[in-house]
Amino acid sequence: MKIKRIIAGILVAATCGLAMAGCQSNTATSSTVGDSTSSTAESKEDSKATGGKLIMATEPGFAPYEYMSGNDVVGIDVDIANEVAKELGMELEIQTMDFDGALLAVQQGKVDFAAAGISVTPERQEVMDFSIEYAKSKQVIVVLKGADRVKSVDDLGGDTKIAVQMSTVADFYVTDDLKKEPSRYTKYVQAAEDLKNDKVDCIVMDELPAKEMVKGNENLEILDAEVFTDKYAFAFKKGNTELEDKVNKILQKLIDDGKVDEFTLNHTK
């Protein structure tokens, strides 16, 4: 069953409010992490009232693009978002939530945009708009060292138990292309634990986050195989072309000036 296309349809039709993590504001150069006591909708109304906040939804379990450093959300996407906010003369506010929640929040207009290593797919383009693409990432396979169940892309078929992050392009790939039901997780750290405990055979995920995962787990390794390549962009509510156009100009300048490459290098050393 092509579950992700079904989910996309549900998201379009969703009319109920979604309780999201609220935020306390800092300056545009320091991200803020939300707590569970305030709703995203309330924060968005505050944004409309002051006109000075740029609200970003993200899932901070996707290093090096977004991850926690103490109480702050940091990463490549956060650095880019801070530059965008600064150029717009606004204050960046970050709301943290699951990946599915971030996509839903931007579709419902409860945040200004979402940035979480979001790949552009035809299904997503039906329900939200995207900025220009600012990064490329290949999908790789993470396995347990010494295990021989998965040695190449060809081994992903059959009864191989594949872990993915819910609603990602890896999830789409396993569900639609391999015609299999993967083990879905909201966070990669959960998938890594199940891989180490032999509950799954491998994880299909983006290369840079995979490298970060392997750094912290010496018993895991990345196979020398590329599953496919995808590209990242910021997501906006459908029809929010005014903000999208402004962000695109800033993104293009950051790309041309080498700032995106600089941010990537800073978080992958």
C-alpha atoms as a PDB file:
ATOM      1  CA  MET A   1       0.000   0.000   0.000  1.00  0.00           C
ATOM      2  CA  LYS A   2       1.367   3.385  -0.918  1.00  0.00           C
ATOM      3  CA  ILE A   3       0.909   4.713   2.588  1.00  0.00           C
ATOM      4  CA  LYS A   4       2.735   7.957   2.066  1.00  0.00           C
ATOM      5  CA  ARG A   5       0.415   9.049  -0.735  1.00  0.00           C
ATOM      6  CA  ILE A   6      -2.507   8.243   1.549  1.00  0.00           C
ATOM      7  CA  ILE A   7      -0.922  10.298   4.314  1.00  0.00           C
ATOM      8  CA  ALA A   8      -0.417  13.209   1.888  1.00  0.00           C
ATOM      9  CA  GLY A   9      -4.116  13.109   1.086  1.00  0.00           C
ATOM     10  CA  ILE A  10      -5.038  13.105   4.754  1.00  0.00           C
ATOM     11  CA  LEU A  11      -2.796  16.088   5.378  1.00  0.00           C
ATOM     12  CA  VAL A  12      -4.529  18.106   2.660  1.00  0.00           C
ATOM     13  CA  ALA A  13      -7.922  17.364   4.146  1.00  0.00           C
ATOM     14  CA  ALA A  14      -6.916  17.986   7.737  1.00  0.00           C
ATOM     15  CA  THR A  15      -8.960  20.758   9.299  1.00  0.00           C
ATOM     16  CA  CYS A  16      -8.427  20.117  12.963  1.00  0.00           C
ATOM     17  CA  GLY A  17      -5.869  21.954  15.031  1.00  0.00           C
ATOM     18  CA  LEU A  18      -2.584  20.278  15.747  1.00  0.00           C
ATOM     19  CA  ALA A  19      -0.988  20.753  19.139  1.00  0.00           C
ATOM     20  CA  MET A  20       2.621  21.582  18.532  1.00  0.00           C
ATOM     21  CA  ALA A  21       5.529  22.591  20.690  1.00  0.00           C
ATOM     22  CA  GLY A  22       5.613  26.277  21.571  1.00  0.00           C
ATOM     23  CA  CYS A  23       8.697  28.447  21.663  1.00  0.00           C
ATOM     24  CA  GLN A  24      10.355  31.171  23.633  1.00  0.00           C
ATOM     25  CA  SER A  25      12.088  33.720  21.431  1.00  0.00           C
ATOM     26  CA  ASN A  26      15.752  34.596  21.325  1.00  0.00           C
ATOM     27  CA  THR A  27      17.600  36.732  18.789  1.00  0.00           C
ATOM     28  CA  ALA A  28      17.769  35.864  15.110  1.00  0.00           C
ATOM     29  CA  THR A  29      21.226  34.430  15.585  1.00  0.00           C
ATOM     30  CA  SER A  30      20.261  31.945  18.283  1.00  0.00           C
ATOM     31  CA  SER A  31      17.609  29.271  17.848  1.00  0.00           C
ATOM     32  CA  THR A  32      14.961  28.511  20.439  1.00  0.00           C
ATOM     33  CA  VAL A  33      13.542  25.143  21.361  1.00  0.00           C
ATOM     34  CA  GLY A  34       9.859  24.762  22.097  1.00  0.00           C
ATOM     35  CA  ASP A  35       8.174  23.101  25.063  1.00  0.00           C
ATOM     36  CA  SER A  36       4.939  21.165  25.111  1.00  0.00           C
ATOM     37  CA  THR A  37       2.873  23.796  26.916  1.00  0.00           C
ATOM     38  CA  SER A  38       2.132  26.172  24.013  1.00  0.00           C
ATOM     39  CA  SER A  39       0.523  25.448  20.686  1.00  0.00           C
ATOM     40  CA  THR A  40       1.990  26.188  17.283  1.00  0.00           C
ATOM     41  CA  ALA A  41      -1.186  28.001  16.363  1.00  0.00           C
ATOM     42  CA  GLU A  42      -0.750  30.406  19.303  1.00  0.00           C
ATOM     43  CA  SER A  43       2.858  31.121  18.319  1.00  0.00           C
ATOM     44  CA  LYS A  44       1.823  31.761  14.739  1.00  0.00           C
ATOM     45  CA  GLU A  45      -0.803  34.249  15.912  1.00  0.00           C
ATOM     46  CA  ASP A  46       1.908  36.003  17.928  1.00  0.00           C
ATOM     47  CA  SER A  47       3.962  36.158  14.734  1.00  0.00           C
ATOM     48  CA  LYS A  48       1.106  37.844  12.908  1.00  0.00           C
ATOM     49  CA  ALA A  49       0.638  40.288  15.765  1.00  0.00           C
ATOM     50  CA  THR A  50       4.236  41.430  16.003  1.00  0.00           C
ATOM     51  CA  GLY A  51       5.206  40.961  12.357  1.00  0.00           C
ATOM     52  CA  GLY A  52       8.751  40.314  13.495  1.00  0.00           C
ATOM     53  CA  LYS A  53       9.006  36.547  13.832  1.00  0.00           C
ATOM     54  CA  LEU A  54       9.900  34.007  11.187  1.00  0.00           C
ATOM     55  CA  ILE A  55       8.645  30.662  12.501  1.00  0.00           C
ATOM     56  CA  MET A  56      10.371  27.481  11.362  1.00  0.00           C
ATOM     57  CA  ALA A  57       9.212  23.912  12.049  1.00  0.00           C
ATOM     58  CA  THR A  58      11.850  21.187  12.278  1.00  0.00           C
ATOM     59  CA  GLU A  59      12.655  17.754  13.679  1.00  0.00           C
ATOM     60  CA  PRO A  60      16.006  18.043  15.494  1.00  0.00           C
ATOM     61  CA  GLY A  61      17.098  14.430  15.093  1.00  0.00           C
ATOM     62  CA  PHE A  62      18.690  14.813  11.677  1.00  0.00           C
ATOM     63  CA  ALA A  63      22.316  15.801  12.224  1.00  0.00           C
ATOM     64  CA  PRO A  64      24.085  17.632  10.669  1.00  0.00           C
ATOM     65  CA  TYR A  65      21.058  19.479   9.250  1.00  0.00           C
ATOM     66  CA  GLU A  66      19.292  19.949  12.594  1.00  0.00           C
ATOM     67  CA  TYR A  67      20.226  18.546  15.983  1.00  0.00           C
ATOM     68  CA  MET A  68      20.396  19.484  19.646  1.00  0.00           C
ATOM     69  CA  SER A  69      23.392  21.170  21.252  1.00  0.00           C
ATOM     70  CA  GLY A  70      22.453  21.594  24.893  1.00  0.00           C
ATOM     71  CA  ASN A  71      19.091  23.338  24.839  1.00  0.00           C
ATOM     72  CA  ASP A  72      19.569  24.806  21.361  1.00  0.00           C
ATOM     73  CA  VAL A  73      18.661  23.479  17.942  1.00  0.00           C
ATOM     74  CA  VAL A  74      21.670  23.841  15.641  1.00  0.00           C
ATOM     75  CA  GLY A  75      22.728  22.575  12.224  1.00  0.00           C
ATOM     76  CA  ILE A  76      23.057  23.419   8.558  1.00  0.00           C
ATOM     77  CA  ASP A  77      19.367  24.233   8.107  1.00  0.00           C
ATOM     78  CA  VAL A  78      19.390  26.380  11.243  1.00  0.00           C
ATOM     79  CA  ASP A  79      22.404  28.370  10.017  1.00  0.00           C
ATOM     80  CA  ILE A  80      20.673  28.964   6.691  1.00  0.00           C
ATOM     81  CA  ALA A  81      17.412  29.918   8.398  1.00  0.00           C
ATOM     82  CA  ASN A  82      19.215  32.381  10.659  1.00  0.00           C
ATOM     83  CA  GLU A  83      20.734  34.064   7.603  1.00  0.00           C
ATOM     84  CA  VAL A  84      17.321  34.217   5.935  1.00  0.00           C
ATOM     85  CA  ALA A  85      15.739  35.764   9.027  1.00  0.00           C
ATOM     86  CA  LYS A  86      18.558  38.291   9.327  1.00  0.00           C
ATOM     87  CA  GLU A  87      18.202  39.333   5.685  1.00  0.00           C
ATOM     88  CA  LEU A  88      14.448  39.734   6.172  1.00  0.00           C
ATOM     89  CA  GLY A  89      14.983  41.786   9.324  1.00  0.00           C
ATOM     90  CA  MET A  90      13.051  39.236  11.364  1.00  0.00           C
ATOM     91  CA  GLU A  91      13.555  37.079  14.443  1.00  0.00           C
ATOM     92  CA  LEU A  92      13.912  33.336  13.877  1.00  0.00           C
ATOM     93  CA  GLU A  93      11.774  31.152  16.113  1.00  0.00           C
ATOM     94  CA  ILE A  94      12.163  27.371  15.918  1.00  0.00           C
ATOM     95  CA  GLN A  95       9.382  24.954  16.765  1.00  0.00           C
ATOM     96  CA  THR A  96      10.457  21.334  17.258  1.00  0.00           C
ATOM     97  CA  MET A  97       8.206  18.387  16.420  1.00  0.00           C
ATOM     98  CA  ASP A  98       8.152  15.051  14.628  1.00  0.00           C
ATOM     99  CA  PHE A  99       8.882  15.119  10.898  1.00  0.00           C
ATOM    100  CA  ASP A 100       5.243  14.384  10.021  1.00  0.00           C
ATOM    101  CA  GLY A 101       4.160  17.183  12.342  1.00  0.00           C
ATOM    102  CA  ALA A 102       6.502  19.666  10.673  1.00  0.00           C
ATOM    103  CA  LEU A 103       5.020  18.901   7.251  1.00  0.00           C
ATOM    104  CA  LEU A 104       1.488  19.189   8.596  1.00  0.00           C
ATOM    105  CA  ALA A 105       2.208  22.452  10.435  1.00  0.00           C
ATOM    106  CA  VAL A 106       3.466  24.161   7.279  1.00  0.00           C
ATOM    107  CA  GLN A 107       0.523  22.902   5.232  1.00  0.00           C
ATOM    108  CA  GLN A 108      -1.915  24.315   7.777  1.00  0.00           C
ATOM    109  CA  GLY A 109      -0.080  27.653   7.909  1.00  0.00           C
ATOM    110  CA  LYS A 110       0.791  27.293  11.583  1.00  0.00           C
ATOM    111  CA  VAL A 111       4.432  28.047  10.825  1.00  0.00           C
ATOM    112  CA  ASP A 112       6.061  30.115   8.095  1.00  0.00           C
ATOM    113  CA  PHE A 113       8.159  27.282   6.696  1.00  0.00           C
ATOM    114  CA  ALA A 114       9.604  23.882   7.501  1.00  0.00           C
ATOM    115  CA  ALA A 115      13.248  22.851   7.209  1.00  0.00           C
ATOM    116  CA  ALA A 116      14.241  19.330   8.167  1.00  0.00           C
ATOM    117  CA  GLY A 117      16.233  17.911   5.286  1.00  0.00           C
ATOM    118  CA  ILE A 118      12.978  17.898   3.322  1.00  0.00           C
ATOM    119  CA  SER A 119      13.148  16.234  -0.072  1.00  0.00           C
ATOM    120  CA  VAL A 120      11.060  17.533  -2.960  1.00  0.00           C
ATOM    121  CA  THR A 121       8.704  14.841  -4.244  1.00  0.00           C
ATOM    122  CA  PRO A 122       5.672  14.975  -6.579  1.00  0.00           C
ATOM    123  CA  GLU A 123       3.407  13.908  -3.707  1.00  0.00           C
ATOM    124  CA  ARG A 124       4.602  16.735  -1.484  1.00  0.00           C
ATOM    125  CA  GLN A 125       4.386  19.278  -4.281  1.00  0.00           C
ATOM    126  CA  GLU A 126       0.656  18.577  -4.443  1.00  0.00           C
ATOM    127  CA  VAL A 127       0.115  19.814  -0.898  1.00  0.00           C
ATOM    128  CA  MET A 128       2.890  22.376  -0.280  1.00  0.00           C
ATOM    129  CA  ASP A 129       5.297  24.653  -2.119  1.00  0.00           C
ATOM    130  CA  PHE A 130       9.093  24.488  -2.068  1.00  0.00           C
ATOM    131  CA  SER A 131      12.029  26.840  -2.255  1.00  0.00           C
ATOM    132  CA  ILE A 132      14.890  26.317  -4.644  1.00  0.00           C
ATOM    133  CA  GLU A 133      16.945  23.243  -3.788  1.00  0.00           C
ATOM    134  CA  TYR A 134      19.995  24.061  -1.676  1.00  0.00           C
ATOM    135  CA  ALA A 135      21.520  20.635  -0.936  1.00  0.00           C
ATOM    136  CA  LYS A 136      21.919  17.163  -2.412  1.00  0.00           C
ATOM    137  CA  SER A 137      22.166  13.964  -0.429  1.00  0.00           C
ATOM    138  CA  LYS A 138      22.443  10.349  -1.435  1.00  0.00           C
ATOM    139  CA  GLN A 139      20.582   7.620   0.361  1.00  0.00           C
ATOM    140  CA  VAL A 140      22.815   4.952   1.868  1.00  0.00           C
ATOM    141  CA  ILE A 141      22.502   1.733   3.849  1.00  0.00           C
ATOM    142  CA  VAL A 142      23.599   1.472   7.478  1.00  0.00           C
ATOM    143  CA  VAL A 143      24.256  -2.024   8.832  1.00  0.00           C
ATOM    144  CA  LEU A 144      25.658  -3.719  11.913  1.00  0.00           C
ATOM    145  CA  LYS A 145      29.361  -4.470  11.594  1.00  0.00           C
ATOM    146  CA  GLY A 146      30.029  -8.147  11.027  1.00  0.00           C
ATOM    147  CA  ALA A 147      26.478  -8.914   9.932  1.00  0.00           C
ATOM    148  CA  ASP A 148      26.227 -10.320   6.421  1.00  0.00           C
ATOM    149  CA  ARG A 149      22.481 -10.102   5.825  1.00  0.00           C
ATOM    150  CA  VAL A 150      22.752  -6.914   3.746  1.00  0.00           C
ATOM    151  CA  LYS A 151      25.840  -6.303   1.595  1.00  0.00           C
ATOM    152  CA  SER A 152      24.427  -4.284  -1.296  1.00  0.00           C
ATOM    153  CA  VAL A 153      21.303  -2.589  -2.640  1.00  0.00           C
ATOM    154  CA  ASP A 154      20.294  -5.925  -4.185  1.00  0.00           C
ATOM    155  CA  ASP A 155      19.910  -7.363  -0.694  1.00  0.00           C
ATOM    156  CA  LEU A 156      17.134  -4.947   0.243  1.00  0.00           C
ATOM    157  CA  GLY A 157      14.531  -7.240  -1.305  1.00  0.00           C
ATOM    158  CA  GLY A 158      13.100 -10.440   0.046  1.00  0.00           C
ATOM    159  CA  ASP A 159      12.496 -10.679   3.777  1.00  0.00           C
ATOM    160  CA  THR A 160      15.122  -8.069   4.731  1.00  0.00           C
ATOM    161  CA  LYS A 161      13.871  -5.904   7.592  1.00  0.00           C
ATOM    162  CA  ILE A 162      14.492  -2.277   6.609  1.00  0.00           C
ATOM    163  CA  ALA A 163      14.261   0.647   9.014  1.00  0.00           C
ATOM    164  CA  VAL A 164      13.407   4.179   7.825  1.00  0.00           C
ATOM    165  CA  GLN A 165      12.337   7.486   9.307  1.00  0.00           C
ATOM    166  CA  MET A 166       8.613   7.932   8.868  1.00  0.00           C
ATOM    167  CA  SER A 167       7.463   9.977   5.835  1.00  0.00           C
ATOM    168  CA  THR A 168      10.964  10.402   4.367  1.00  0.00           C
ATOM    169  CA  VAL A 169      11.968   9.597   0.796  1.00  0.00           C
ATOM    170  CA  ALA A 170      13.550   6.398   2.110  1.00  0.00           C
ATOM    171  CA  ASP A 171      10.108   5.432   3.394  1.00  0.00           C
ATOM    172  CA  PHE A 172       8.633   6.216  -0.033  1.00  0.00           C
ATOM    173  CA  TYR A 173      11.344   4.145  -1.716  1.00  0.00           C
ATOM    174  CA  VAL A 174      10.849   1.041   0.403  1.00  0.00           C
ATOM    175  CA  THR A 175       7.057   1.276   0.278  1.00  0.00           C
ATOM    176  CA  ASP A 176       6.541   2.211  -3.380  1.00  0.00           C
ATOM    177  CA  ASP A 177       9.625   0.907  -5.186  1.00  0.00           C
ATOM    178  CA  LEU A 178      10.473  -2.193  -3.165  1.00  0.00           C
ATOM    179  CA  LYS A 179       6.788  -2.881  -2.394  1.00  0.00           C
ATOM    180  CA  LYS A 180       7.653  -3.636   1.201  1.00  0.00           C
ATOM    181  CA  GLU A 181       6.465  -2.504   4.604  1.00  0.00           C
ATOM    182  CA  PRO A 182       9.453  -0.962   6.420  1.00  0.00           C
ATOM    183  CA  SER A 183       9.898  -0.507  10.152  1.00  0.00           C
ATOM    184  CA  ARG A 184       9.094   3.183  10.627  1.00  0.00           C
ATOM    185  CA  TYR A 185      10.596   5.426  13.299  1.00  0.00           C
ATOM    186  CA  THR A 186      10.070   9.054  14.271  1.00  0.00           C
ATOM    187  CA  LYS A 187      13.773   9.413  15.133  1.00  0.00           C
ATOM    188  CA  TYR A 188      16.885   7.757  13.726  1.00  0.00           C
ATOM    189  CA  VAL A 189      18.277   7.083  17.198  1.00  0.00           C
ATOM    190  CA  GLN A 190      15.414   4.633  17.736  1.00  0.00           C
ATOM    191  CA  ALA A 191      16.206   2.860  14.467  1.00  0.00           C
ATOM    192  CA  ALA A 192      19.885   2.643  15.428  1.00  0.00           C
ATOM    193  CA  GLU A 193      19.042   0.969  18.721  1.00  0.00           C
ATOM    194  CA  ASP A 194      16.856  -1.614  16.994  1.00  0.00           C
ATOM    195  CA  LEU A 195      19.597  -2.254  14.437  1.00  0.00           C
ATOM    196  CA  LYS A 196      22.112  -2.872  17.208  1.00  0.00           C
ATOM    197  CA  ASN A 197      19.653  -5.234  18.898  1.00  0.00           C
ATOM    198  CA  ASP A 198      19.024  -7.240  15.692  1.00  0.00           C
ATOM    199  CA  LYS A 199      15.398  -6.134  15.432  1.00  0.00           C
ATOM    200  CA  VAL A 200      16.026  -4.782  11.913  1.00  0.00           C
ATOM    201  CA  ASP A 201      18.656  -5.686   9.310  1.00  0.00           C
ATOM    202  CA  CYS A 202      19.552  -2.207   8.051  1.00  0.00           C
ATOM    203  CA  ILE A 203      18.583   1.451   7.896  1.00  0.00           C
ATOM    204  CA  VAL A 204      18.109   3.346   4.628  1.00  0.00           C
ATOM    205  CA  MET A 205      18.800   7.041   5.220  1.00  0.00           C
ATOM    206  CA  ASP A 206      20.630  10.160   4.042  1.00  0.00           C
ATOM    207  CA  GLU A 207      24.403   9.983   3.867  1.00  0.00           C
ATOM    208  CA  LEU A 208      25.378  12.926   6.120  1.00  0.00           C
ATOM    209  CA  PRO A 209      23.090  11.937   9.010  1.00  0.00           C
ATOM    210  CA  ALA A 210      24.294   8.358   8.510  1.00  0.00           C
ATOM    211  CA  LYS A 211      27.890   9.492   8.946  1.00  0.00           C
ATOM    212  CA  GLU A 212      26.957  11.280  12.160  1.00  0.00           C
ATOM    213  CA  MET A 213      25.176   8.161  13.389  1.00  0.00           C
ATOM    214  CA  VAL A 214      28.171   5.949  12.693  1.00  0.00           C
ATOM    215  CA  LYS A 215      30.475   8.390  14.525  1.00  0.00           C
ATOM    216  CA  GLY A 216      28.501   7.761  17.688  1.00  0.00           C
ATOM    217  CA  ASN A 217      28.046   4.022  17.173  1.00  0.00           C
ATOM    218  CA  GLU A 218      31.293   2.164  16.499  1.00  0.00           C
ATOM    219  CA  ASN A 219      29.460  -1.100  15.848  1.00  0.00           C
ATOM    220  CA  LEU A 220      27.594   0.393  12.866  1.00  0.00           C
ATOM    221  CA  GLU A 221      28.898   1.029   9.363  1.00  0.00           C
ATOM    222  CA  ILE A 222      27.767   2.449   6.023  1.00  0.00           C
ATOM    223  CA  LEU A 223      27.854   0.185   3.001  1.00  0.00           C
ATOM    224  CA  ASP A 224      29.726   1.379  -0.070  1.00  0.00           C
ATOM    225  CA  ALA A 225      26.533   1.587  -2.079  1.00  0.00           C
ATOM    226  CA  GLU A 226      24.211   4.376  -3.195  1.00  0.00           C
ATOM    227  CA  VAL A 227      20.496   3.655  -3.118  1.00  0.00           C
ATOM    228  CA  PHE A 228      19.480   6.919  -4.854  1.00  0.00           C
ATOM    229  CA  THR A 229      20.092  10.675  -4.670  1.00  0.00           C
ATOM    230  CA  ASP A 230      17.647  13.330  -3.502  1.00  0.00           C
ATOM    231  CA  LYS A 231      17.621  17.109  -2.973  1.00  0.00           C
ATOM    232  CA  TYR A 232      16.532  19.339  -0.093  1.00  0.00           C
ATOM    233  CA  ALA A 233      14.427  22.502  -0.001  1.00  0.00           C
ATOM    234  CA  PHE A 234      12.411  24.580   2.457  1.00  0.00           C
ATOM    235  CA  ALA A 235       8.661  23.867   2.503  1.00  0.00           C
ATOM    236  CA  PHE A 236       5.960  26.566   2.487  1.00  0.00           C
ATOM    237  CA  LYS A 237       2.196  26.590   2.694  1.00  0.00           C
ATOM    238  CA  LYS A 238       0.668  26.222  -0.759  1.00  0.00           C
ATOM    239  CA  GLY A 239       0.324  29.631  -2.362  1.00  0.00           C
ATOM    240  CA  ASN A 240       2.636  31.521   0.002  1.00  0.00           C
ATOM    241  CA  THR A 241       4.590  32.868  -2.962  1.00  0.00           C
ATOM    242  CA  GLU A 242       5.474  36.216  -1.368  1.00  0.00           C
ATOM    243  CA  LEU A 243       7.605  34.625   1.362  1.00  0.00           C
ATOM    244  CA  GLU A 244       8.868  31.892  -0.966  1.00  0.00           C
ATOM    245  CA  ASP A 245      10.157  34.461  -3.491  1.00  0.00           C
ATOM    246  CA  LYS A 246      11.975  36.431  -0.798  1.00  0.00           C
ATOM    247  CA  VAL A 247      13.554  33.299   0.666  1.00  0.00           C
ATOM    248  CA  ASN A 248      14.605  32.044  -2.774  1.00  0.00           C
ATOM    249  CA  LYS A 249      16.573  35.227  -3.465  1.00  0.00           C
ATOM    250  CA  ILE A 250      18.394  34.895  -0.152  1.00  0.00           C
ATOM    251  CA  LEU A 251      19.026  31.184  -0.630  1.00  0.00           C
ATOM    252  CA  GLN A 252      20.468  31.742  -4.085  1.00  0.00           C
ATOM    253  CA  LYS A 253      22.825  34.384  -2.727  1.00  0.00           C
ATOM    254  CA  LEU A 254      23.934  32.071   0.093  1.00  0.00           C
ATOM    255  CA  ILE A 255      24.609  29.323  -2.453  1.00  0.00           C
ATOM    256  CA  ASP A 256      26.466  31.657  -4.844  1.00  0.00           C
ATOM    257  CA  ASP A 257      28.580  33.098  -2.024  1.00  0.00           C
ATOM    258  CA  GLY A 258      29.549  29.625  -0.810  1.00  0.00           C
ATOM    259  CA  LYS A 259      27.829  30.092   2.539  1.00  0.00           C
ATOM    260  CA  VAL A 260      25.797  26.882   2.311  1.00  0.00           C
ATOM    261  CA  ASP A 261      28.992  24.914   1.667  1.00  0.00           C
ATOM    262  CA  GLU A 262      30.597  26.710   4.606  1.00  0.00           C
ATOM    263  CA  PHE A 263      27.715  25.820   6.917  1.00  0.00           C
ATOM    264  CA  THR A 264      27.881  22.198   5.761  1.00  0.00           C
ATOM    265  CA  LEU A 265      31.610  22.020   6.444  1.00  0.00           C
ATOM    266  CA  ASN A 266      31.159  23.553   9.894  1.00  0.00           C
ATOM    267  CA  HIS A 267      28.754  20.802  10.928  1.00  0.00           C
ATOM    268  CA  THR A 268      30.536  17.845   9.336  1.00  0.00           C
ATOM    269  CA  LYS A 269      34.084  18.303  10.635  1.00  0.00           C
END
